[in-house]
Amino acid sequence: TQGRAPVPMVVRTQQGATHGSCAQTSQSLEALLFPIPGLLLGMPATPQDAYDMLRAAAAADDPTILIEARGIYPRKGEVAFGKVPDPIGTARLARDGGDLAIIAWGTAALEALDAAEKLATEGIQAAVLDLRWLAPLDEREISDVVRKAKGRVLVVHEANRTGGVGAEIAARIHENHRDAIVRRLGAPDTRIPASPVLQAALLPKADAIVATARALAKQSGAAQPA
């Protein structure tokens, strides 16, 4: 309809690894939906965002898909029911820091926060940007956090590294900040096993983020516009 007719449809679905889940149900497939023009795509990481983003999606005229990580369902948190939801397409700066920036979403955003706490004990202050919305991307907030971190950026996602949304984000950062140093951390290109021990060895958990971020923080970068 070339935008003449609204499609106010909301789809809730789930993905991601949980203990005992097999290879098929453990997949993270946001990259399949990410490039479709006109489709809104969100991945909440907190109870508040799960509530607010669903409200924002219900009020939108465009088709919206919200992907919930099964691994987050057991987590509890306070929810302000009267809060006005943030606009669709806005990221959340979950933690400030100037030594490097960690950009993540879904379960990876929570692991990134845990990693940032550990890095702080070493004197490394890492900003954590929870994208929340992958389509549209909050490119202004991404650029701001890249500049604050002097161009040192780590993009983390639970999905397989190859063909992931992180590659697109890294490409855009390089286009806009010519001297930025960007690293990606995701699951290897393999099926996720049911064993919790093997899952922990493959998924980008806090310790793996700490190790990658520690090395990145030692590199000199900048965030000059390209």
N, C-alpha and C. Protein backbone atom coordinates (compact mmCIF):
# COMPACT_ATOMS: atom_id res chain seq x y z
N THR A 1 0.83 -1.22 0.00
CA THR A 1 0.00 0.00 0.00
C THR A 1 0.86 1.26 0.00
N GLN A 2 2.16 1.12 -0.07
CA GLN A 2 3.08 2.25 -0.06
C GLN A 2 2.86 3.14 1.16
N GLY A 3 2.53 2.50 2.29
CA GLY A 3 2.37 3.25 3.52
C GLY A 3 1.02 3.89 3.71
N ARG A 4 0.08 3.66 2.79
CA ARG A 4 -1.22 4.31 2.89
C ARG A 4 -2.14 3.62 3.89
N ALA A 5 -1.90 2.33 4.16
CA ALA A 5 -2.75 1.59 5.09
C ALA A 5 -1.92 1.11 6.27
N PRO A 6 -2.39 1.33 7.48
CA PRO A 6 -1.64 0.84 8.65
C PRO A 6 -1.82 -0.66 8.85
N VAL A 7 -0.87 -1.27 9.51
CA VAL A 7 -0.96 -2.68 9.87
C VAL A 7 -0.63 -2.79 11.37
N PRO A 8 -1.57 -2.46 12.24
CA PRO A 8 -1.30 -2.45 13.68
C PRO A 8 -1.32 -3.86 14.28
N MET A 9 -0.33 -4.65 13.92
CA MET A 9 -0.25 -6.03 14.38
C MET A 9 0.97 -6.22 15.28
N VAL A 10 0.78 -6.93 16.38
CA VAL A 10 1.88 -7.22 17.31
C VAL A 10 2.05 -8.73 17.42
N VAL A 11 3.28 -9.18 17.27
CA VAL A 11 3.61 -10.60 17.43
C VAL A 11 4.61 -10.74 18.57
N ARG A 12 4.26 -11.51 19.57
CA ARG A 12 5.20 -11.85 20.64
C ARG A 12 5.72 -13.26 20.38
N THR A 13 7.04 -13.40 20.47
CA THR A 13 7.63 -14.72 20.32
C THR A 13 8.81 -14.81 21.27
N GLN A 14 9.49 -15.94 21.27
CA GLN A 14 10.60 -16.14 22.19
C GLN A 14 11.73 -16.88 21.50
N GLN A 15 12.90 -16.78 22.09
CA GLN A 15 14.07 -17.44 21.52
C GLN A 15 15.15 -17.54 22.58
N GLY A 16 16.26 -18.17 22.21
CA GLY A 16 17.42 -18.20 23.08
C GLY A 16 17.58 -19.49 23.85
N ALA A 17 18.78 -19.69 24.36
CA ALA A 17 19.13 -20.92 25.04
C ALA A 17 18.66 -20.92 26.49
N THR A 18 18.14 -22.06 26.92
CA THR A 18 17.85 -22.32 28.33
C THR A 18 18.36 -23.72 28.64
N HIS A 19 18.60 -23.99 29.90
CA HIS A 19 19.15 -25.28 30.28
C HIS A 19 18.24 -26.42 29.82
N GLY A 20 18.81 -27.33 29.06
CA GLY A 20 18.05 -28.48 28.58
C GLY A 20 17.38 -28.28 27.24
N SER A 21 17.35 -27.05 26.74
CA SER A 21 16.71 -26.82 25.44
C SER A 21 17.61 -27.36 24.33
N CYS A 22 16.99 -27.89 23.32
CA CYS A 22 17.75 -28.52 22.24
C CYS A 22 18.20 -27.48 21.21
N ALA A 23 18.88 -27.94 20.19
CA ALA A 23 19.50 -27.03 19.22
C ALA A 23 18.50 -26.13 18.52
N GLN A 24 17.33 -26.67 18.16
CA GLN A 24 16.37 -25.88 17.40
C GLN A 24 15.76 -24.76 18.25
N THR A 25 15.31 -25.10 19.44
CA THR A 25 14.65 -24.09 20.27
C THR A 25 15.62 -23.13 20.92
N SER A 26 16.91 -23.41 20.86
CA SER A 26 17.92 -22.52 21.44
C SER A 26 18.38 -21.43 20.48
N GLN A 27 17.90 -21.45 19.26
CA GLN A 27 18.39 -20.50 18.27
C GLN A 27 17.96 -19.06 18.60
N SER A 28 18.79 -18.10 18.17
CA SER A 28 18.46 -16.68 18.24
C SER A 28 18.39 -16.17 16.81
N LEU A 29 17.19 -15.79 16.39
CA LEU A 29 16.94 -15.58 14.97
C LEU A 29 16.54 -14.15 14.61
N GLU A 30 16.94 -13.18 15.44
CA GLU A 30 16.53 -11.80 15.14
C GLU A 30 17.08 -11.31 13.80
N ALA A 31 18.22 -11.89 13.36
CA ALA A 31 18.81 -11.44 12.09
C ALA A 31 17.95 -11.79 10.89
N LEU A 32 17.05 -12.77 11.03
CA LEU A 32 16.15 -13.11 9.92
C LEU A 32 15.12 -12.01 9.67
N LEU A 33 14.71 -11.33 10.73
CA LEU A 33 13.67 -10.31 10.64
C LEU A 33 14.24 -8.90 10.50
N PHE A 34 15.46 -8.72 10.95
CA PHE A 34 16.09 -7.41 11.03
C PHE A 34 16.07 -6.62 9.71
N PRO A 35 16.31 -7.23 8.54
CA PRO A 35 16.41 -6.42 7.32
C PRO A 35 15.09 -6.14 6.61
N ILE A 36 13.96 -6.58 7.16
CA ILE A 36 12.68 -6.41 6.45
C ILE A 36 12.18 -4.97 6.63
N PRO A 37 12.09 -4.20 5.55
CA PRO A 37 11.66 -2.80 5.65
C PRO A 37 10.23 -2.70 6.20
N GLY A 38 10.03 -1.74 7.10
CA GLY A 38 8.70 -1.49 7.64
C GLY A 38 8.34 -2.31 8.85
N LEU A 39 9.17 -3.29 9.19
CA LEU A 39 8.90 -4.15 10.34
C LEU A 39 9.63 -3.59 11.56
N LEU A 40 8.90 -3.41 12.66
CA LEU A 40 9.51 -2.96 13.90
C LEU A 40 9.93 -4.19 14.70
N LEU A 41 11.13 -4.16 15.27
CA LEU A 41 11.67 -5.34 15.94
C LEU A 41 12.30 -4.95 17.26
N GLY A 42 11.78 -5.52 18.35
CA GLY A 42 12.29 -5.19 19.67
C GLY A 42 12.64 -6.42 20.47
N MET A 43 13.61 -6.26 21.39
CA MET A 43 14.04 -7.36 22.27
C MET A 43 14.25 -6.82 23.68
N PRO A 44 13.24 -6.90 24.54
CA PRO A 44 13.39 -6.38 25.91
C PRO A 44 14.31 -7.25 26.75
N ALA A 45 14.97 -6.60 27.72
CA ALA A 45 15.88 -7.32 28.61
C ALA A 45 15.49 -7.17 30.07
N THR A 46 14.51 -6.31 30.37
CA THR A 46 14.09 -6.09 31.76
C THR A 46 12.57 -6.20 31.84
N PRO A 47 12.03 -6.47 33.03
CA PRO A 47 10.58 -6.50 33.18
C PRO A 47 9.92 -5.18 32.77
N GLN A 48 10.55 -4.06 33.13
CA GLN A 48 9.98 -2.76 32.76
C GLN A 48 9.89 -2.60 31.25
N ASP A 49 10.97 -2.97 30.55
CA ASP A 49 10.96 -2.84 29.09
C ASP A 49 9.99 -3.84 28.45
N ALA A 50 9.87 -5.02 29.03
CA ALA A 50 8.91 -5.99 28.48
C ALA A 50 7.50 -5.42 28.51
N TYR A 51 7.18 -4.72 29.58
CA TYR A 51 5.85 -4.09 29.73
C TYR A 51 5.72 -2.86 28.83
N ASP A 52 6.71 -1.96 28.92
CA ASP A 52 6.63 -0.71 28.17
C ASP A 52 6.69 -0.93 26.66
N MET A 53 7.56 -1.82 26.21
CA MET A 53 7.69 -2.03 24.78
C MET A 53 6.46 -2.69 24.19
N LEU A 54 5.80 -3.54 24.97
CA LEU A 54 4.56 -4.14 24.50
C LEU A 54 3.47 -3.08 24.35
N ARG A 55 3.42 -2.15 25.30
CA ARG A 55 2.44 -1.05 25.20
C ARG A 55 2.73 -0.18 23.98
N ALA A 56 4.01 0.14 23.77
CA ALA A 56 4.38 0.96 22.62
C ALA A 56 4.05 0.24 21.32
N ALA A 57 4.29 -1.07 21.29
CA ALA A 57 3.99 -1.85 20.09
C ALA A 57 2.50 -1.87 19.80
N ALA A 58 1.69 -2.00 20.85
CA ALA A 58 0.24 -2.04 20.67
C ALA A 58 -0.31 -0.73 20.13
N ALA A 59 0.39 0.36 20.42
CA ALA A 59 -0.08 1.67 19.95
C ALA A 59 0.47 2.03 18.57
N ALA A 60 1.37 1.23 18.05
CA ALA A 60 2.00 1.53 16.75
C ALA A 60 1.11 1.13 15.59
N ASP A 61 1.25 1.85 14.49
CA ASP A 61 0.49 1.52 13.27
C ASP A 61 1.21 0.49 12.41
N ASP A 62 2.47 0.25 12.68
CA ASP A 62 3.25 -0.68 11.86
C ASP A 62 3.32 -2.05 12.54
N PRO A 63 3.49 -3.11 11.76
CA PRO A 63 3.63 -4.45 12.35
C PRO A 63 4.88 -4.52 13.22
N THR A 64 4.74 -5.06 14.41
CA THR A 64 5.82 -5.08 15.39
C THR A 64 6.03 -6.49 15.91
N ILE A 65 7.27 -6.90 15.97
CA ILE A 65 7.61 -8.21 16.54
C ILE A 65 8.47 -7.98 17.77
N LEU A 66 8.03 -8.52 18.88
CA LEU A 66 8.80 -8.47 20.12
C LEU A 66 9.31 -9.87 20.43
N ILE A 67 10.61 -10.00 20.51
CA ILE A 67 11.24 -11.29 20.80
C ILE A 67 11.69 -11.29 22.25
N GLU A 68 11.18 -12.24 23.01
CA GLU A 68 11.53 -12.34 24.43
C GLU A 68 12.48 -13.51 24.64
N ALA A 69 13.51 -13.28 25.41
CA ALA A 69 14.48 -14.34 25.69
C ALA A 69 13.95 -15.22 26.81
N ARG A 70 13.84 -16.50 26.52
CA ARG A 70 13.31 -17.43 27.54
C ARG A 70 14.17 -17.44 28.80
N GLY A 71 15.46 -17.22 28.63
CA GLY A 71 16.35 -17.24 29.78
C GLY A 71 16.09 -16.12 30.77
N ILE A 72 15.37 -15.07 30.35
CA ILE A 72 15.10 -13.93 31.21
C ILE A 72 13.79 -14.10 31.98
N TYR A 73 12.92 -14.99 31.55
CA TYR A 73 11.60 -15.12 32.17
C TYR A 73 11.64 -15.28 33.70
N PRO A 74 12.58 -16.03 34.26
CA PRO A 74 12.57 -16.19 35.73
C PRO A 74 12.98 -14.93 36.50
N ARG A 75 13.57 -13.94 35.83
CA ARG A 75 14.04 -12.75 36.52
C ARG A 75 12.86 -11.90 36.99
N LYS A 76 13.02 -11.29 38.15
CA LYS A 76 11.99 -10.43 38.70
C LYS A 76 12.51 -9.00 38.81
N GLY A 77 11.60 -8.04 38.75
CA GLY A 77 11.98 -6.64 38.87
C GLY A 77 10.76 -5.78 39.05
N GLU A 78 10.97 -4.60 39.59
CA GLU A 78 9.88 -3.65 39.78
C GLU A 78 9.41 -3.11 38.42
N VAL A 79 8.10 -2.95 38.28
CA VAL A 79 7.53 -2.39 37.06
C VAL A 79 6.62 -1.23 37.43
N ALA A 80 6.90 -0.07 36.84
CA ALA A 80 6.05 1.11 37.04
C ALA A 80 4.97 1.11 35.97
N PHE A 81 3.76 0.75 36.37
CA PHE A 81 2.69 0.59 35.37
C PHE A 81 2.20 1.92 34.82
N GLY A 82 2.40 3.00 35.55
CA GLY A 82 1.92 4.29 35.07
C GLY A 82 2.94 5.06 34.26
N LYS A 83 4.12 4.50 34.06
CA LYS A 83 5.18 5.18 33.32
C LYS A 83 4.84 5.30 31.83
N VAL A 84 5.14 6.45 31.26
CA VAL A 84 4.95 6.63 29.82
C VAL A 84 6.06 5.89 29.08
N PRO A 85 5.73 4.96 28.19
CA PRO A 85 6.78 4.19 27.50
C PRO A 85 7.69 5.08 26.66
N ASP A 86 8.96 4.73 26.62
CA ASP A 86 9.88 5.44 25.73
C ASP A 86 9.46 5.18 24.28
N PRO A 87 9.74 6.13 23.39
CA PRO A 87 9.36 5.95 21.98
C PRO A 87 10.03 4.72 21.37
N ILE A 88 9.35 4.12 20.43
CA ILE A 88 9.94 3.00 19.69
C ILE A 88 11.22 3.46 18.99
N GLY A 89 12.25 2.63 19.09
CA GLY A 89 13.51 2.97 18.44
C GLY A 89 14.50 3.68 19.34
N THR A 90 14.23 3.72 20.65
CA THR A 90 15.17 4.36 21.56
C THR A 90 15.90 3.32 22.38
N ALA A 91 17.21 3.45 22.43
CA ALA A 91 18.05 2.56 23.23
C ALA A 91 18.08 3.07 24.67
N ARG A 92 18.61 2.24 25.57
CA ARG A 92 18.70 2.61 26.99
C ARG A 92 20.16 2.50 27.43
N LEU A 93 20.70 3.61 27.90
CA LEU A 93 22.05 3.58 28.44
C LEU A 93 21.96 2.99 29.84
N ALA A 94 22.27 1.71 29.96
CA ALA A 94 22.13 1.01 31.23
C ALA A 94 23.26 1.32 32.19
N ARG A 95 24.41 1.73 31.66
CA ARG A 95 25.56 2.07 32.51
C ARG A 95 26.46 3.02 31.74
N ASP A 96 26.95 4.04 32.41
CA ASP A 96 27.84 5.00 31.76
C ASP A 96 29.30 4.60 31.99
N GLY A 97 30.15 5.04 31.10
CA GLY A 97 31.57 4.74 31.21
C GLY A 97 32.33 5.28 30.03
N GLY A 98 33.60 5.61 30.22
CA GLY A 98 34.36 6.25 29.15
C GLY A 98 35.52 5.46 28.60
N ASP A 99 35.77 4.26 29.15
CA ASP A 99 36.92 3.48 28.67
C ASP A 99 36.59 2.63 27.45
N LEU A 100 35.37 2.14 27.39
CA LEU A 100 34.87 1.43 26.20
C LEU A 100 33.36 1.35 26.30
N ALA A 101 32.73 1.01 25.19
CA ALA A 101 31.28 0.85 25.15
C ALA A 101 30.93 -0.57 24.77
N ILE A 102 30.01 -1.16 25.51
CA ILE A 102 29.48 -2.48 25.17
C ILE A 102 28.05 -2.29 24.69
N ILE A 103 27.79 -2.69 23.46
CA ILE A 103 26.45 -2.57 22.88
C ILE A 103 25.85 -3.96 22.79
N ALA A 104 24.66 -4.12 23.36
CA ALA A 104 24.07 -5.46 23.42
C ALA A 104 22.55 -5.34 23.47
N TRP A 105 21.88 -6.49 23.48
CA TRP A 105 20.43 -6.54 23.59
C TRP A 105 20.03 -7.92 24.10
N GLY A 106 18.81 -8.02 24.62
CA GLY A 106 18.34 -9.30 25.14
C GLY A 106 19.20 -9.79 26.28
N THR A 107 19.43 -11.10 26.33
CA THR A 107 20.23 -11.68 27.41
C THR A 107 21.64 -11.12 27.44
N ALA A 108 22.18 -10.76 26.30
CA ALA A 108 23.55 -10.24 26.23
C ALA A 108 23.67 -8.91 26.97
N ALA A 109 22.60 -8.13 27.01
CA ALA A 109 22.65 -6.86 27.73
C ALA A 109 22.84 -7.09 29.22
N LEU A 110 22.21 -8.12 29.76
CA LEU A 110 22.35 -8.44 31.18
C LEU A 110 23.74 -8.98 31.48
N GLU A 111 24.25 -9.82 30.58
CA GLU A 111 25.62 -10.32 30.75
C GLU A 111 26.62 -9.17 30.66
N ALA A 112 26.33 -8.21 29.79
CA ALA A 112 27.22 -7.06 29.65
C ALA A 112 27.26 -6.23 30.92
N LEU A 113 26.13 -6.08 31.58
CA LEU A 113 26.10 -5.35 32.85
C LEU A 113 26.91 -6.07 33.92
N ASP A 114 26.77 -7.38 33.98
CA ASP A 114 27.57 -8.16 34.94
C ASP A 114 29.07 -7.99 34.63
N ALA A 115 29.39 -8.01 33.34
CA ALA A 115 30.79 -7.85 32.94
C ALA A 115 31.31 -6.47 33.32
N ALA A 116 30.49 -5.45 33.13
CA ALA A 116 30.90 -4.08 33.45
C ALA A 116 31.20 -3.92 34.94
N GLU A 117 30.42 -4.61 35.78
CA GLU A 117 30.68 -4.58 37.22
C GLU A 117 32.05 -5.18 37.53
N LYS A 118 32.37 -6.28 36.88
CA LYS A 118 33.67 -6.92 37.11
C LYS A 118 34.81 -6.06 36.58
N LEU A 119 34.59 -5.43 35.42
CA LEU A 119 35.62 -4.56 34.84
C LEU A 119 35.88 -3.36 35.74
N ALA A 120 34.85 -2.86 36.41
CA ALA A 120 35.01 -1.70 37.27
C ALA A 120 35.96 -1.98 38.43
N THR A 121 35.98 -3.23 38.89
CA THR A 121 36.91 -3.59 39.97
C THR A 121 38.36 -3.56 39.50
N GLU A 122 38.56 -3.57 38.18
CA GLU A 122 39.91 -3.49 37.61
C GLU A 122 40.25 -2.07 37.18
N GLY A 123 39.32 -1.15 37.43
CA GLY A 123 39.56 0.23 37.04
C GLY A 123 39.15 0.56 35.62
N ILE A 124 38.41 -0.34 34.98
CA ILE A 124 37.94 -0.12 33.61
C ILE A 124 36.46 0.22 33.67
N GLN A 125 36.12 1.43 33.21
CA GLN A 125 34.73 1.88 33.23
C GLN A 125 34.09 1.65 31.85
N ALA A 126 33.20 0.69 31.79
CA ALA A 126 32.56 0.33 30.52
C ALA A 126 31.12 0.82 30.49
N ALA A 127 30.77 1.53 29.45
CA ALA A 127 29.37 1.89 29.23
C ALA A 127 28.65 0.69 28.66
N VAL A 128 27.38 0.52 29.03
CA VAL A 128 26.56 -0.56 28.48
C VAL A 128 25.32 0.06 27.86
N LEU A 129 25.19 -0.13 26.56
CA LEU A 129 24.03 0.37 25.83
C LEU A 129 23.13 -0.79 25.47
N ASP A 130 21.96 -0.84 26.08
CA ASP A 130 20.95 -1.85 25.75
C ASP A 130 20.11 -1.30 24.61
N LEU A 131 20.28 -1.86 23.43
CA LEU A 131 19.59 -1.31 22.25
C LEU A 131 18.07 -1.38 22.37
N ARG A 132 17.55 -2.46 22.95
CA ARG A 132 16.11 -2.69 23.08
C ARG A 132 15.43 -2.85 21.72
N TRP A 133 15.54 -1.86 20.88
CA TRP A 133 14.94 -1.91 19.53
C TRP A 133 16.04 -2.10 18.49
N LEU A 134 15.90 -3.12 17.67
CA LEU A 134 16.83 -3.35 16.57
C LEU A 134 16.35 -2.69 15.29
N ALA A 135 15.05 -2.55 15.16
CA ALA A 135 14.49 -1.85 14.00
C ALA A 135 13.31 -1.00 14.49
N PRO A 136 13.47 0.31 14.47
CA PRO A 136 14.66 1.04 13.99
C PRO A 136 15.76 1.09 15.04
N LEU A 137 17.00 1.20 14.56
CA LEU A 137 18.15 1.34 15.44
C LEU A 137 18.26 2.78 15.93
N ASP A 138 18.68 2.93 17.17
CA ASP A 138 18.90 4.26 17.74
C ASP A 138 20.33 4.69 17.38
N GLU A 139 20.51 5.14 16.17
CA GLU A 139 21.85 5.47 15.69
C GLU A 139 22.45 6.68 16.41
N ARG A 140 21.62 7.59 16.85
CA ARG A 140 22.14 8.75 17.58
C ARG A 140 22.77 8.31 18.90
N GLU A 141 22.08 7.44 19.64
CA GLU A 141 22.60 6.98 20.92
C GLU A 141 23.85 6.12 20.73
N ILE A 142 23.85 5.32 19.64
CA ILE A 142 25.04 4.52 19.34
C ILE A 142 26.23 5.43 19.10
N SER A 143 26.05 6.48 18.31
CA SER A 143 27.15 7.40 18.02
C SER A 143 27.62 8.11 19.28
N ASP A 144 26.68 8.49 20.13
CA ASP A 144 27.04 9.19 21.37
C ASP A 144 27.92 8.30 22.26
N VAL A 145 27.52 7.05 22.41
CA VAL A 145 28.28 6.16 23.31
C VAL A 145 29.63 5.81 22.70
N VAL A 146 29.70 5.75 21.37
CA VAL A 146 30.99 5.49 20.71
C VAL A 146 31.95 6.66 20.95
N ARG A 147 31.45 7.87 20.83
CA ARG A 147 32.30 9.04 21.06
C ARG A 147 32.78 9.10 22.51
N LYS A 148 31.88 8.84 23.44
CA LYS A 148 32.25 8.87 24.86
C LYS A 148 33.34 7.84 25.18
N ALA A 149 33.28 6.71 24.49
CA ALA A 149 34.24 5.62 24.75
C ALA A 149 35.50 5.74 23.90
N LYS A 150 35.67 6.90 23.26
CA LYS A 150 36.86 7.16 22.43
C LYS A 150 37.03 6.11 21.35
N GLY A 151 35.91 5.61 20.84
CA GLY A 151 35.94 4.72 19.69
C GLY A 151 36.18 3.27 19.99
N ARG A 152 36.22 2.88 21.25
CA ARG A 152 36.42 1.47 21.60
C ARG A 152 35.06 0.84 21.88
N VAL A 153 34.66 -0.10 21.02
CA VAL A 153 33.30 -0.64 21.08
C VAL A 153 33.32 -2.15 20.98
N LEU A 154 32.54 -2.78 21.83
CA LEU A 154 32.33 -4.23 21.78
C LEU A 154 30.84 -4.48 21.58
N VAL A 155 30.49 -5.18 20.51
CA VAL A 155 29.10 -5.52 20.23
C VAL A 155 28.90 -6.99 20.61
N VAL A 156 27.91 -7.24 21.45
CA VAL A 156 27.70 -8.58 21.98
C VAL A 156 26.27 -9.05 21.70
N HIS A 157 26.13 -10.26 21.19
CA HIS A 157 24.79 -10.85 21.03
C HIS A 157 24.86 -12.36 21.20
N GLU A 158 23.74 -12.94 21.64
CA GLU A 158 23.69 -14.38 21.87
C GLU A 158 23.64 -15.16 20.57
N ALA A 159 23.15 -14.54 19.52
CA ALA A 159 23.03 -15.21 18.23
C ALA A 159 24.40 -15.58 17.68
N ASN A 160 24.42 -16.47 16.69
CA ASN A 160 25.67 -16.83 16.02
C ASN A 160 26.36 -15.58 15.47
N ARG A 161 27.66 -15.60 15.52
CA ARG A 161 28.43 -14.43 15.11
C ARG A 161 28.25 -14.11 13.63
N THR A 162 28.31 -15.13 12.78
CA THR A 162 28.22 -14.90 11.34
C THR A 162 26.80 -14.49 10.94
N GLY A 163 26.69 -13.39 10.23
CA GLY A 163 25.38 -12.93 9.76
C GLY A 163 24.53 -12.31 10.84
N GLY A 164 25.11 -12.02 11.99
CA GLY A 164 24.33 -11.45 13.08
C GLY A 164 24.11 -9.96 12.92
N VAL A 165 23.20 -9.43 13.74
CA VAL A 165 22.91 -7.99 13.71
C VAL A 165 24.15 -7.20 14.09
N GLY A 166 25.03 -7.79 14.89
CA GLY A 166 26.24 -7.10 15.30
C GLY A 166 27.11 -6.68 14.14
N ALA A 167 27.10 -7.44 13.07
CA ALA A 167 27.91 -7.09 11.90
C ALA A 167 27.42 -5.78 11.27
N GLU A 168 26.10 -5.61 11.20
CA GLU A 168 25.54 -4.38 10.64
C GLU A 168 25.86 -3.19 11.53
N ILE A 169 25.75 -3.38 12.85
CA ILE A 169 26.05 -2.29 13.77
C ILE A 169 27.53 -1.91 13.66
N ALA A 170 28.40 -2.91 13.60
CA ALA A 170 29.83 -2.64 13.46
C ALA A 170 30.12 -1.88 12.16
N ALA A 171 29.45 -2.26 11.10
CA ALA A 171 29.67 -1.60 9.81
C ALA A 171 29.24 -0.13 9.87
N ARG A 172 28.12 0.12 10.51
CA ARG A 172 27.64 1.51 10.60
C ARG A 172 28.57 2.35 11.47
N ILE A 173 29.09 1.76 12.53
CA ILE A 173 30.02 2.51 13.38
C ILE A 173 31.27 2.86 12.58
N HIS A 174 31.79 1.92 11.80
CA HIS A 174 32.99 2.19 11.00
C HIS A 174 32.71 3.27 9.95
N GLU A 175 31.51 3.27 9.41
CA GLU A 175 31.15 4.29 8.41
C GLU A 175 31.10 5.68 9.03
N ASN A 176 30.66 5.78 10.27
CA ASN A 176 30.45 7.08 10.91
C ASN A 176 31.61 7.54 11.77
N HIS A 177 32.48 6.60 12.16
CA HIS A 177 33.61 6.94 13.04
C HIS A 177 34.85 6.22 12.51
N ARG A 178 35.61 6.91 11.71
CA ARG A 178 36.64 6.25 10.89
C ARG A 178 37.74 5.58 11.72
N ASP A 179 38.00 6.07 12.94
CA ASP A 179 39.09 5.51 13.73
C ASP A 179 38.61 4.59 14.84
N ALA A 180 37.34 4.26 14.85
CA ALA A 180 36.80 3.40 15.90
C ALA A 180 37.37 1.99 15.81
N ILE A 181 37.54 1.37 16.96
CA ILE A 181 37.97 -0.03 17.04
C ILE A 181 36.77 -0.82 17.52
N VAL A 182 36.24 -1.68 16.68
CA VAL A 182 35.02 -2.42 16.99
C VAL A 182 35.30 -3.91 16.99
N ARG A 183 34.86 -4.58 18.03
CA ARG A 183 34.96 -6.02 18.13
C ARG A 183 33.57 -6.61 18.32
N ARG A 184 33.37 -7.82 17.81
CA ARG A 184 32.10 -8.53 17.98
C ARG A 184 32.30 -9.78 18.81
N LEU A 185 31.31 -10.07 19.62
CA LEU A 185 31.34 -11.29 20.42
C LEU A 185 29.95 -11.92 20.36
N GLY A 186 29.90 -13.13 19.83
CA GLY A 186 28.63 -13.85 19.74
C GLY A 186 28.89 -15.34 19.89
N ALA A 187 27.83 -16.10 19.75
CA ALA A 187 28.00 -17.56 19.80
C ALA A 187 28.74 -18.03 18.55
N PRO A 188 29.55 -19.06 18.66
CA PRO A 188 30.22 -19.59 17.47
C PRO A 188 29.20 -20.18 16.51
N ASP A 189 29.64 -20.44 15.29
CA ASP A 189 28.73 -20.95 14.27
C ASP A 189 28.52 -22.44 14.44
N THR A 190 27.80 -22.76 15.49
CA THR A 190 27.50 -24.16 15.79
C THR A 190 26.15 -24.23 16.46
N ARG A 191 25.59 -25.42 16.52
CA ARG A 191 24.32 -25.60 17.22
C ARG A 191 24.55 -25.56 18.72
N ILE A 192 23.57 -25.06 19.44
CA ILE A 192 23.70 -24.94 20.89
C ILE A 192 23.27 -26.26 21.54
N PRO A 193 24.11 -26.87 22.36
CA PRO A 193 23.76 -28.14 23.01
C PRO A 193 22.80 -27.94 24.16
N ALA A 194 22.21 -29.03 24.63
CA ALA A 194 21.26 -28.97 25.74
C ALA A 194 21.97 -28.85 27.08
N SER A 195 23.19 -29.32 27.18
CA SER A 195 23.93 -29.31 28.44
C SER A 195 24.22 -27.89 28.90
N PRO A 196 23.86 -27.53 30.14
CA PRO A 196 24.16 -26.19 30.66
C PRO A 196 25.66 -25.88 30.67
N VAL A 197 26.49 -26.90 30.93
CA VAL A 197 27.93 -26.69 30.96
C VAL A 197 28.44 -26.34 29.57
N LEU A 198 27.98 -27.08 28.57
CA LEU A 198 28.42 -26.80 27.20
C LEU A 198 27.84 -25.48 26.69
N GLN A 199 26.61 -25.17 27.08
CA GLN A 199 26.03 -23.89 26.70
C GLN A 199 26.88 -22.73 27.21
N ALA A 200 27.27 -22.82 28.48
CA ALA A 200 28.07 -21.75 29.09
C ALA A 200 29.40 -21.56 28.38
N ALA A 201 29.93 -22.64 27.81
CA ALA A 201 31.21 -22.55 27.10
C ALA A 201 31.07 -21.87 25.74
N LEU A 202 29.87 -21.87 25.19
CA LEU A 202 29.66 -21.34 23.84
C LEU A 202 29.05 -19.94 23.83
N LEU A 203 28.17 -19.65 24.78
CA LEU A 203 27.45 -18.39 24.77
C LEU A 203 28.33 -17.26 25.34
N PRO A 204 28.09 -16.02 24.90
CA PRO A 204 28.91 -14.89 25.37
C PRO A 204 28.51 -14.47 26.79
N LYS A 205 29.00 -15.21 27.77
CA LYS A 205 28.71 -14.91 29.16
C LYS A 205 29.63 -13.79 29.66
N ALA A 206 29.39 -13.36 30.90
CA ALA A 206 30.10 -12.20 31.45
C ALA A 206 31.62 -12.36 31.41
N ASP A 207 32.12 -13.55 31.75
CA ASP A 207 33.57 -13.75 31.78
C ASP A 207 34.20 -13.58 30.40
N ALA A 208 33.51 -14.07 29.37
CA ALA A 208 34.03 -13.91 28.00
C ALA A 208 33.99 -12.44 27.59
N ILE A 209 32.96 -11.74 28.01
CA ILE A 209 32.86 -10.31 27.70
C ILE A 209 33.98 -9.55 28.40
N VAL A 210 34.25 -9.89 29.65
CA VAL A 210 35.32 -9.24 30.41
C VAL A 210 36.65 -9.42 29.70
N ALA A 211 36.95 -10.64 29.27
CA ALA A 211 38.24 -10.91 28.63
C ALA A 211 38.40 -10.11 27.34
N THR A 212 37.35 -10.06 26.53
CA THR A 212 37.41 -9.31 25.27
C THR A 212 37.48 -7.82 25.53
N ALA A 213 36.68 -7.34 26.48
CA ALA A 213 36.66 -5.91 26.79
C ALA A 213 37.97 -5.45 27.39
N ARG A 214 38.58 -6.28 28.21
CA ARG A 214 39.85 -5.92 28.85
C ARG A 214 40.92 -5.66 27.78
N ALA A 215 40.98 -6.54 26.79
CA ALA A 215 41.95 -6.36 25.71
C ALA A 215 41.62 -5.13 24.87
N LEU A 216 40.32 -4.90 24.65
CA LEU A 216 39.90 -3.76 23.83
C LEU A 216 40.22 -2.45 24.52
N ALA A 217 40.05 -2.39 25.83
CA ALA A 217 40.28 -1.15 26.57
C ALA A 217 41.72 -0.69 26.48
N LYS A 218 42.64 -1.60 26.20
CA LYS A 218 44.06 -1.25 26.12
C LYS A 218 44.42 -0.67 24.76
N GLN A 219 43.53 -0.80 23.77
CA GLN A 219 43.82 -0.31 22.44
C GLN A 219 43.40 1.15 22.34
N SER A 220 44.12 1.89 21.51
CA SER A 220 43.82 3.31 21.33
C SER A 220 42.93 3.49 20.12
N GLY A 221 41.79 4.13 20.34
CA GLY A 221 40.87 4.41 19.25
C GLY A 221 40.41 5.84 19.34
N ALA A 222 39.61 6.24 18.41
CA ALA A 222 39.01 7.58 18.42
C ALA A 222 37.64 7.47 17.81
N ALA A 223 36.89 8.54 17.90
CA ALA A 223 35.54 8.51 17.36
C ALA A 223 35.30 9.71 16.47
N GLN A 224 36.27 10.01 15.64
CA GLN A 224 36.12 11.15 14.74
C GLN A 224 35.12 10.79 13.63
N PRO A 225 34.29 11.74 13.24
CA PRO A 225 33.34 11.47 12.15
C PRO A 225 34.08 11.11 10.87
N ALA A 226 33.52 10.16 10.13
CA ALA A 226 34.16 9.75 8.87
C ALA A 226 33.93 10.81 7.81
